[in-house]
Amino acid sequence: MIGRAFDDNAHSILGYIVCWIDQGVGWSKLPNINNAWLMEDLATLCIASQHMAHWLHHGIVSEAQIVETMRLKTTRPQRLRRWKQVI
């Protein structure tokens, strides 16, 4: 269960950051890992990052897992293109 939530949080964080940096918008409608469209904003980013920090603090995930998940998500060009198309 944590694995799916972990992946979804990473997806939300990176999707929001891509939209914010590319377009300067503080919110965006993005597909989640289940292809459901969700409104992502700074509050979502804060909640998702706190979930990940909590899991890291309690040893549920490692720093290496976080880094690897973020790296994998940012090296998938089709994912970045899809985020950029919905802006």
PDB file of N, CA and C in Angstrom:
ATOM      1  N   MET A   1       0.820  -1.200   0.000  1.00  0.00           N
ATOM      2  CA  MET A   1       0.000   0.000   0.000  1.00  0.00           C
ATOM      3  C   MET A   1       0.864   1.264   0.000  1.00  0.00           C
ATOM      4  N   ILE A   2       1.887   1.290   0.819  1.00  0.00           N
ATOM      5  CA  ILE A   2       2.749   2.471   0.864  1.00  0.00           C
ATOM      6  C   ILE A   2       3.408   2.697  -0.498  1.00  0.00           C
ATOM      7  N   GLY A   3       3.761   1.618  -1.187  1.00  0.00           N
ATOM      8  CA  GLY A   3       4.420   1.756  -2.481  1.00  0.00           C
ATOM      9  C   GLY A   3       3.591   2.551  -3.473  1.00  0.00           C
ATOM     10  N   ARG A   4       2.308   2.271  -3.543  1.00  0.00           N
ATOM     11  CA  ARG A   4       1.426   2.985  -4.476  1.00  0.00           C
ATOM     12  C   ARG A   4       1.245   4.435  -4.027  1.00  0.00           C
ATOM     13  N   ALA A   5       1.036   4.656  -2.742  1.00  0.00           N
ATOM     14  CA  ALA A   5       0.880   6.020  -2.220  1.00  0.00           C
ATOM     15  C   ALA A   5       2.179   6.803  -2.393  1.00  0.00           C
ATOM     16  N   PHE A   6       3.297   6.125  -2.179  1.00  0.00           N
ATOM     17  CA  PHE A   6       4.608   6.749  -2.360  1.00  0.00           C
ATOM     18  C   PHE A   6       4.781   7.213  -3.799  1.00  0.00           C
ATOM     19  N   ASP A   7       4.454   6.328  -4.739  1.00  0.00           N
ATOM     20  CA  ASP A   7       4.569   6.651  -6.161  1.00  0.00           C
ATOM     21  C   ASP A   7       3.625   7.791  -6.543  1.00  0.00           C
ATOM     22  N   ASP A   8       2.416   7.760  -6.019  1.00  0.00           N
ATOM     23  CA  ASP A   8       1.436   8.807  -6.313  1.00  0.00           C
ATOM     24  C   ASP A   8       1.902  10.161  -5.766  1.00  0.00           C
ATOM     25  N   ASN A   9       2.479  10.174  -4.573  1.00  0.00           N
ATOM     26  CA  ASN A   9       2.987  11.424  -4.001  1.00  0.00           C
ATOM     27  C   ASN A   9       4.133  11.984  -4.837  1.00  0.00           C
ATOM     28  N   ALA A  10       5.052  11.113  -5.245  1.00  0.00           N
ATOM     29  CA  ALA A  10       6.165  11.560  -6.093  1.00  0.00           C
ATOM     30  C   ALA A  10       5.630  12.132  -7.401  1.00  0.00           C
ATOM     31  N   HIS A  11       4.653  11.471  -7.970  1.00  0.00           N
ATOM     32  CA  HIS A  11       4.034  11.917  -9.221  1.00  0.00           C
ATOM     33  C   HIS A  11       3.397  13.310  -9.051  1.00  0.00           C
ATOM     34  N   SER A  12       2.674  13.504  -7.959  1.00  0.00           N
ATOM     35  CA  SER A  12       2.023  14.794  -7.697  1.00  0.00           C
ATOM     36  C   SER A  12       3.044  15.904  -7.518  1.00  0.00           C
ATOM     37  N   ILE A  13       4.090  15.620  -6.748  1.00  0.00           N
ATOM     38  CA  ILE A  13       5.128  16.620  -6.507  1.00  0.00           C
ATOM     39  C   ILE A  13       5.772  17.045  -7.816  1.00  0.00           C
ATOM     40  N   LEU A  14       6.206  16.082  -8.603  1.00  0.00           N
ATOM     41  CA  LEU A  14       6.896  16.415  -9.846  1.00  0.00           C
ATOM     42  C   LEU A  14       5.973  17.049 -10.875  1.00  0.00           C
ATOM     43  N   GLY A  15       4.729  16.592 -10.947  1.00  0.00           N
ATOM     44  CA  GLY A  15       3.775  17.200 -11.881  1.00  0.00           C
ATOM     45  C   GLY A  15       3.539  18.664 -11.571  1.00  0.00           C
ATOM     46  N   TYR A  16       3.378  18.978 -10.289  1.00  0.00           N
ATOM     47  CA  TYR A  16       3.170  20.366  -9.885  1.00  0.00           C
ATOM     48  C   TYR A  16       4.406  21.200 -10.198  1.00  0.00           C
ATOM     49  N   ILE A  17       5.573  20.681  -9.880  1.00  0.00           N
ATOM     50  CA  ILE A  17       6.813  21.440 -10.098  1.00  0.00           C
ATOM     51  C   ILE A  17       7.033  21.715 -11.583  1.00  0.00           C
ATOM     52  N   VAL A  18       6.763  20.725 -12.440  1.00  0.00           N
ATOM     53  CA  VAL A  18       6.922  20.927 -13.891  1.00  0.00           C
ATOM     54  C   VAL A  18       6.024  22.069 -14.360  1.00  0.00           C
ATOM     55  N   CYS A  19       4.772  22.071 -13.924  1.00  0.00           N
ATOM     56  CA  CYS A  19       3.839  23.131 -14.334  1.00  0.00           C
ATOM     57  C   CYS A  19       4.245  24.482 -13.775  1.00  0.00           C
ATOM     58  N   TRP A  20       4.684  24.499 -12.552  1.00  0.00           N
ATOM     59  CA  TRP A  20       5.056  25.752 -11.897  1.00  0.00           C
ATOM     60  C   TRP A  20       6.279  26.360 -12.568  1.00  0.00           C
ATOM     61  N   ILE A  21       7.297  25.537 -12.821  1.00  0.00           N
ATOM     62  CA  ILE A  21       8.531  26.050 -13.431  1.00  0.00           C
ATOM     63  C   ILE A  21       8.312  26.407 -14.896  1.00  0.00           C
ATOM     64  N   ASP A  22       7.637  25.546 -15.655  1.00  0.00           N
ATOM     65  CA  ASP A  22       7.450  25.792 -17.086  1.00  0.00           C
ATOM     66  C   ASP A  22       6.503  26.951 -17.375  1.00  0.00           C
ATOM     67  N   GLN A  23       5.420  27.041 -16.598  1.00  0.00           N
ATOM     68  CA  GLN A  23       4.385  28.030 -16.910  1.00  0.00           C
ATOM     69  C   GLN A  23       4.199  29.106 -15.846  1.00  0.00           C
ATOM     70  N   GLY A  24       4.767  28.890 -14.681  1.00  0.00           N
ATOM     71  CA  GLY A  24       4.607  29.866 -13.610  1.00  0.00           C
ATOM     72  C   GLY A  24       3.211  29.859 -13.005  1.00  0.00           C
ATOM     73  N   VAL A  25       2.489  28.747 -13.172  1.00  0.00           N
ATOM     74  CA  VAL A  25       1.150  28.659 -12.592  1.00  0.00           C
ATOM     75  C   VAL A  25       1.213  27.916 -11.261  1.00  0.00           C
ATOM     76  N   GLY A  26       0.401  28.354 -10.307  1.00  0.00           N
ATOM     77  CA  GLY A  26       0.406  27.768  -8.982  1.00  0.00           C
ATOM     78  C   GLY A  26      -0.574  26.633  -8.810  1.00  0.00           C
ATOM     79  N   TRP A  27      -1.176  26.192  -9.867  1.00  0.00           N
ATOM     80  CA  TRP A  27      -2.105  25.054  -9.831  1.00  0.00           C
ATOM     81  C   TRP A  27      -2.152  24.455 -11.223  1.00  0.00           C
ATOM     82  N   SER A  28      -2.581  23.238 -11.298  1.00  0.00           N
ATOM     83  CA  SER A  28      -2.729  22.611 -12.608  1.00  0.00           C
ATOM     84  C   SER A  28      -3.582  21.361 -12.482  1.00  0.00           C
ATOM     85  N   LYS A  29      -4.215  21.019 -13.562  1.00  0.00           N
ATOM     86  CA  LYS A  29      -5.005  19.793 -13.633  1.00  0.00           C
ATOM     87  C   LYS A  29      -4.103  18.742 -14.269  1.00  0.00           C
ATOM     88  N   LEU A  30      -3.776  17.711 -13.498  1.00  0.00           N
ATOM     89  CA  LEU A  30      -2.831  16.704 -13.954  1.00  0.00           C
ATOM     90  C   LEU A  30      -3.398  15.304 -13.784  1.00  0.00           C
ATOM     91  N   PRO A  31      -2.991  14.377 -14.659  1.00  0.00           N
ATOM     92  CA  PRO A  31      -3.400  12.989 -14.461  1.00  0.00           C
ATOM     93  C   PRO A  31      -2.539  12.352 -13.372  1.00  0.00           C
ATOM     94  N   ASN A  32      -3.171  11.592 -12.483  1.00  0.00           N
ATOM     95  CA  ASN A  32      -2.376  10.889 -11.483  1.00  0.00           C
ATOM     96  C   ASN A  32      -1.921   9.558 -12.058  1.00  0.00           C
ATOM     97  N   ILE A  33      -1.327   8.701 -11.233  1.00  0.00           N
ATOM     98  CA  ILE A  33      -0.801   7.442 -11.753  1.00  0.00           C
ATOM     99  C   ILE A  33      -1.889   6.496 -12.219  1.00  0.00           C
ATOM    100  N   ASN A  34      -3.140   6.760 -11.839  1.00  0.00           N
ATOM    101  CA  ASN A  34      -4.268   5.946 -12.288  1.00  0.00           C
ATOM    102  C   ASN A  34      -5.000   6.577 -13.465  1.00  0.00           C
ATOM    103  N   ASN A  35      -4.433   7.639 -14.029  1.00  0.00           N
ATOM    104  CA  ASN A  35      -5.014   8.406 -15.125  1.00  0.00           C
ATOM    105  C   ASN A  35      -6.319   9.114 -14.755  1.00  0.00           C
ATOM    106  N   ALA A  36      -6.512   9.359 -13.485  1.00  0.00           N
ATOM    107  CA  ALA A  36      -7.635  10.198 -13.041  1.00  0.00           C
ATOM    108  C   ALA A  36      -7.112  11.632 -12.969  1.00  0.00           C
ATOM    109  N   TRP A  37      -7.906  12.573 -13.457  1.00  0.00           N
ATOM    110  CA  TRP A  37      -7.468  13.962 -13.475  1.00  0.00           C
ATOM    111  C   TRP A  37      -7.729  14.608 -12.121  1.00  0.00           C
ATOM    112  N   LEU A  38      -6.678  15.198 -11.553  1.00  0.00           N
ATOM    113  CA  LEU A  38      -6.758  15.838 -10.240  1.00  0.00           C
ATOM    114  C   LEU A  38      -6.218  17.256 -10.317  1.00  0.00           C
ATOM    115  N   MET A  39      -6.757  18.129  -9.485  1.00  0.00           N
ATOM    116  CA  MET A  39      -6.246  19.483  -9.388  1.00  0.00           C
ATOM    117  C   MET A  39      -5.101  19.473  -8.381  1.00  0.00           C
ATOM    118  N   GLU A  40      -3.922  19.842  -8.824  1.00  0.00           N
ATOM    119  CA  GLU A  40      -2.738  19.872  -7.964  1.00  0.00           C
ATOM    120  C   GLU A  40      -2.371  21.324  -7.697  1.00  0.00           C
ATOM    121  N   ASP A  41      -2.054  21.620  -6.445  1.00  0.00           N
ATOM    122  CA  ASP A  41      -1.632  22.968  -6.091  1.00  0.00           C
ATOM    123  C   ASP A  41      -0.590  22.882  -4.985  1.00  0.00           C
ATOM    124  N   LEU A  42      -0.220  24.025  -4.417  1.00  0.00           N
ATOM    125  CA  LEU A  42       0.820  24.047  -3.396  1.00  0.00           C
ATOM    126  C   LEU A  42       0.441  23.209  -2.178  1.00  0.00           C
ATOM    127  N   ALA A  43      -0.835  23.200  -1.814  1.00  0.00           N
ATOM    128  CA  ALA A  43      -1.268  22.396  -0.669  1.00  0.00           C
ATOM    129  C   ALA A  43      -1.018  20.914  -0.936  1.00  0.00           C
ATOM    130  N   THR A  44      -1.306  20.465  -2.148  1.00  0.00           N
ATOM    131  CA  THR A  44      -1.053  19.072  -2.513  1.00  0.00           C
ATOM    132  C   THR A  44       0.434  18.768  -2.427  1.00  0.00           C
ATOM    133  N   LEU A  45       1.248  19.684  -2.925  1.00  0.00           N
ATOM    134  CA  LEU A  45       2.695  19.518  -2.865  1.00  0.00           C
ATOM    135  C   LEU A  45       3.158  19.388  -1.417  1.00  0.00           C
ATOM    136  N   CYS A  46       2.649  20.242  -0.545  1.00  0.00           N
ATOM    137  CA  CYS A  46       3.043  20.205   0.870  1.00  0.00           C
ATOM    138  C   CYS A  46       2.624  18.892   1.527  1.00  0.00           C
ATOM    139  N   ILE A  47       1.402  18.463   1.279  1.00  0.00           N
ATOM    140  CA  ILE A  47       0.912  17.212   1.871  1.00  0.00           C
ATOM    141  C   ILE A  47       1.722  16.024   1.352  1.00  0.00           C
ATOM    142  N   ALA A  48       1.927  15.963   0.054  1.00  0.00           N
ATOM    143  CA  ALA A  48       2.667  14.845  -0.536  1.00  0.00           C
ATOM    144  C   ALA A  48       4.098  14.799  -0.005  1.00  0.00           C
ATOM    145  N   SER A  49       4.741  15.944   0.085  1.00  0.00           N
ATOM    146  CA  SER A  49       6.122  15.956   0.569  1.00  0.00           C
ATOM    147  C   SER A  49       6.196  15.601   2.052  1.00  0.00           C
ATOM    148  N   GLN A  50       5.192  15.992   2.832  1.00  0.00           N
ATOM    149  CA  GLN A  50       5.178  15.632   4.249  1.00  0.00           C
ATOM    150  C   GLN A  50       4.930  14.141   4.450  1.00  0.00           C
ATOM    151  N   HIS A  51       4.097  13.534   3.610  1.00  0.00           N
ATOM    152  CA  HIS A  51       3.928  12.078   3.670  1.00  0.00           C
ATOM    153  C   HIS A  51       5.272  11.392   3.458  1.00  0.00           C
ATOM    154  N   MET A  52       5.982  11.828   2.419  1.00  0.00           N
ATOM    155  CA  MET A  52       7.267  11.203   2.108  1.00  0.00           C
ATOM    156  C   MET A  52       8.277  11.440   3.224  1.00  0.00           C
ATOM    157  N   ALA A  53       8.291  12.645   3.783  1.00  0.00           N
ATOM    158  CA  ALA A  53       9.213  12.956   4.887  1.00  0.00           C
ATOM    159  C   ALA A  53       8.882  12.103   6.119  1.00  0.00           C
ATOM    160  N   HIS A  54       7.603  11.916   6.383  1.00  0.00           N
ATOM    161  CA  HIS A  54       7.162  11.098   7.512  1.00  0.00           C
ATOM    162  C   HIS A  54       7.609   9.647   7.327  1.00  0.00           C
ATOM    163  N   TRP A  55       7.409   9.098   6.136  1.00  0.00           N
ATOM    164  CA  TRP A  55       7.826   7.727   5.868  1.00  0.00           C
ATOM    165  C   TRP A  55       9.338   7.585   5.973  1.00  0.00           C
ATOM    166  N   LEU A  56      10.081   8.587   5.517  1.00  0.00           N
ATOM    167  CA  LEU A  56      11.542   8.568   5.622  1.00  0.00           C
ATOM    168  C   LEU A  56      11.961   8.614   7.091  1.00  0.00           C
ATOM    169  N   HIS A  57      11.367   9.510   7.846  1.00  0.00           N
ATOM    170  CA  HIS A  57      11.698   9.677   9.267  1.00  0.00           C
ATOM    171  C   HIS A  57      11.471   8.387  10.060  1.00  0.00           C
ATOM    172  N   HIS A  58      10.424   7.663   9.728  1.00  0.00           N
ATOM    173  CA  HIS A  58      10.077   6.440  10.455  1.00  0.00           C
ATOM    174  C   HIS A  58      10.665   5.169   9.829  1.00  0.00           C
ATOM    175  N   GLY A  59      11.531   5.339   8.837  1.00  0.00           N
ATOM    176  CA  GLY A  59      12.230   4.207   8.255  1.00  0.00           C
ATOM    177  C   GLY A  59      11.392   3.330   7.332  1.00  0.00           C
ATOM    178  N   ILE A  60      10.249   3.840   6.899  1.00  0.00           N
ATOM    179  CA  ILE A  60       9.385   3.064   5.998  1.00  0.00           C
ATOM    180  C   ILE A  60       9.961   3.069   4.589  1.00  0.00           C
ATOM    181  N   VAL A  61      10.565   4.182   4.206  1.00  0.00           N
ATOM    182  CA  VAL A  61      11.285   4.285   2.937  1.00  0.00           C
ATOM    183  C   VAL A  61      12.669   4.840   3.240  1.00  0.00           C
ATOM    184  N   SER A  62      13.577   4.632   2.318  1.00  0.00           N
ATOM    185  CA  SER A  62      14.931   5.155   2.489  1.00  0.00           C
ATOM    186  C   SER A  62      15.129   6.386   1.600  1.00  0.00           C
ATOM    187  N   GLU A  63      16.153   7.138   1.911  1.00  0.00           N
ATOM    188  CA  GLU A  63      16.478   8.290   1.067  1.00  0.00           C
ATOM    189  C   GLU A  63      16.802   7.824  -0.349  1.00  0.00           C
ATOM    190  N   ALA A  64      17.465   6.678  -0.450  1.00  0.00           N
ATOM    191  CA  ALA A  64      17.798   6.131  -1.774  1.00  0.00           C
ATOM    192  C   ALA A  64      16.532   5.817  -2.575  1.00  0.00           C
ATOM    193  N   GLN A  65      15.495   5.306  -1.910  1.00  0.00           N
ATOM    194  CA  GLN A  65      14.231   5.022  -2.606  1.00  0.00           C
ATOM    195  C   GLN A  65      13.602   6.311  -3.130  1.00  0.00           C
ATOM    196  N   ILE A  66      13.642   7.351  -2.323  1.00  0.00           N
ATOM    197  CA  ILE A  66      13.073   8.636  -2.748  1.00  0.00           C
ATOM    198  C   ILE A  66      13.831   9.171  -3.954  1.00  0.00           C
ATOM    199  N   VAL A  67      15.149   9.175  -3.864  1.00  0.00           N
ATOM    200  CA  VAL A  67      15.975   9.694  -4.957  1.00  0.00           C
ATOM    201  C   VAL A  67      15.747   8.877  -6.228  1.00  0.00           C
ATOM    202  N   GLU A  68      15.710   7.552  -6.105  1.00  0.00           N
ATOM    203  CA  GLU A  68      15.527   6.695  -7.277  1.00  0.00           C
ATOM    204  C   GLU A  68      14.145   6.885  -7.903  1.00  0.00           C
ATOM    205  N   THR A  69      13.117   7.005  -7.086  1.00  0.00           N
ATOM    206  CA  THR A  69      11.762   7.217  -7.606  1.00  0.00           C
ATOM    207  C   THR A  69      11.684   8.539  -8.363  1.00  0.00           C
ATOM    208  N   MET A  70      12.222   9.599  -7.784  1.00  0.00           N
ATOM    209  CA  MET A  70      12.208  10.906  -8.455  1.00  0.00           C
ATOM    210  C   MET A  70      13.026  10.858  -9.740  1.00  0.00           C
ATOM    211  N   ARG A  71      14.170  10.184  -9.693  1.00  0.00           N
ATOM    212  CA  ARG A  71      15.017  10.082 -10.885  1.00  0.00           C
ATOM    213  C   ARG A  71      14.285   9.336 -12.006  1.00  0.00           C
ATOM    214  N   LEU A  72      13.659   8.224 -11.663  1.00  0.00           N
ATOM    215  CA  LEU A  72      12.935   7.462 -12.685  1.00  0.00           C
ATOM    216  C   LEU A  72      11.792   8.266 -13.294  1.00  0.00           C
ATOM    217  N   LYS A  73      11.079   8.998 -12.461  1.00  0.00           N
ATOM    218  CA  LYS A  73       9.946   9.782 -12.968  1.00  0.00           C
ATOM    219  C   LYS A  73      10.402  10.943 -13.852  1.00  0.00           C
ATOM    220  N   THR A  74      11.559  11.496 -13.579  1.00  0.00           N
ATOM    221  CA  THR A  74      12.029  12.634 -14.376  1.00  0.00           C
ATOM    222  C   THR A  74      12.785  12.195 -15.617  1.00  0.00           C
ATOM    223  N   THR A  75      13.093  10.923 -15.730  1.00  0.00           N
ATOM    224  CA  THR A  75      13.801  10.456 -16.925  1.00  0.00           C
ATOM    225  C   THR A  75      12.861   9.777 -17.910  1.00  0.00           C
ATOM    226  N   ARG A  76      11.569   9.907 -17.689  1.00  0.00           N
ATOM    227  CA  ARG A  76      10.587   9.374 -18.624  1.00  0.00           C
ATOM    228  C   ARG A  76      10.037  10.532 -19.453  1.00  0.00           C
ATOM    229  N   PRO A  77      10.602  10.772 -20.634  1.00  0.00           N
ATOM    230  CA  PRO A  77      10.192  11.925 -21.437  1.00  0.00           C
ATOM    231  C   PRO A  77       8.700  11.955 -21.751  1.00  0.00           C
ATOM    232  N   GLN A  78       8.076  10.804 -21.951  1.00  0.00           N
ATOM    233  CA  GLN A  78       6.649  10.800 -22.272  1.00  0.00           C
ATOM    234  C   GLN A  78       5.832  11.349 -21.103  1.00  0.00           C
ATOM    235  N   ARG A  79       6.250  11.113 -19.878  1.00  0.00           N
ATOM    236  CA  ARG A  79       5.546  11.618 -18.701  1.00  0.00           C
ATOM    237  C   ARG A  79       5.665  13.143 -18.657  1.00  0.00           C
ATOM    238  N   LEU A  80       6.872  13.672 -18.881  1.00  0.00           N
ATOM    239  CA  LEU A  80       7.055  15.119 -18.860  1.00  0.00           C
ATOM    240  C   LEU A  80       6.266  15.791 -19.979  1.00  0.00           C
ATOM    241  N   ARG A  81       6.266  15.184 -21.162  1.00  0.00           N
ATOM    242  CA  ARG A  81       5.489  15.757 -22.268  1.00  0.00           C
ATOM    243  C   ARG A  81       4.003  15.779 -21.922  1.00  0.00           C
ATOM    244  N   ARG A  82       3.516  14.744 -21.283  1.00  0.00           N
ATOM    245  CA  ARG A  82       2.093  14.691 -20.944  1.00  0.00           C
ATOM    246  C   ARG A  82       1.757  15.776 -19.931  1.00  0.00           C
ATOM    247  N   TRP A  83       2.614  15.979 -18.928  1.00  0.00           N
ATOM    248  CA  TRP A  83       2.371  17.046 -17.962  1.00  0.00           C
ATOM    249  C   TRP A  83       2.325  18.414 -18.667  1.00  0.00           C
ATOM    250  N   LYS A  84       3.261  18.618 -19.583  1.00  0.00           N
ATOM    251  CA  LYS A  84       3.347  19.911 -20.255  1.00  0.00           C
ATOM    252  C   LYS A  84       2.150  20.149 -21.181  1.00  0.00           C
ATOM    253  N   GLN A  85       1.581  19.099 -21.743  1.00  0.00           N
ATOM    254  CA  GLN A  85       0.451  19.237 -22.663  1.00  0.00           C
ATOM    255  C   GLN A  85      -0.803  19.704 -21.955  1.00  0.00           C
ATOM    256  N   VAL A  86      -0.956  19.428 -20.679  1.00  0.00           N
ATOM    257  CA  VAL A  86      -2.198  19.760 -19.995  1.00  0.00           C
ATOM    258  C   VAL A  86      -2.185  21.162 -19.397  1.00  0.00           C
ATOM    259  N   ILE A  87      -1.064  21.820 -19.499  1.00  0.00           N
ATOM    260  CA  ILE A  87      -0.949  23.164 -18.910  1.00  0.00           C
ATOM    261  C   ILE A  87      -1.745  24.167 -19.730  1.00  0.00           C
TER     262      ILE A  87
END
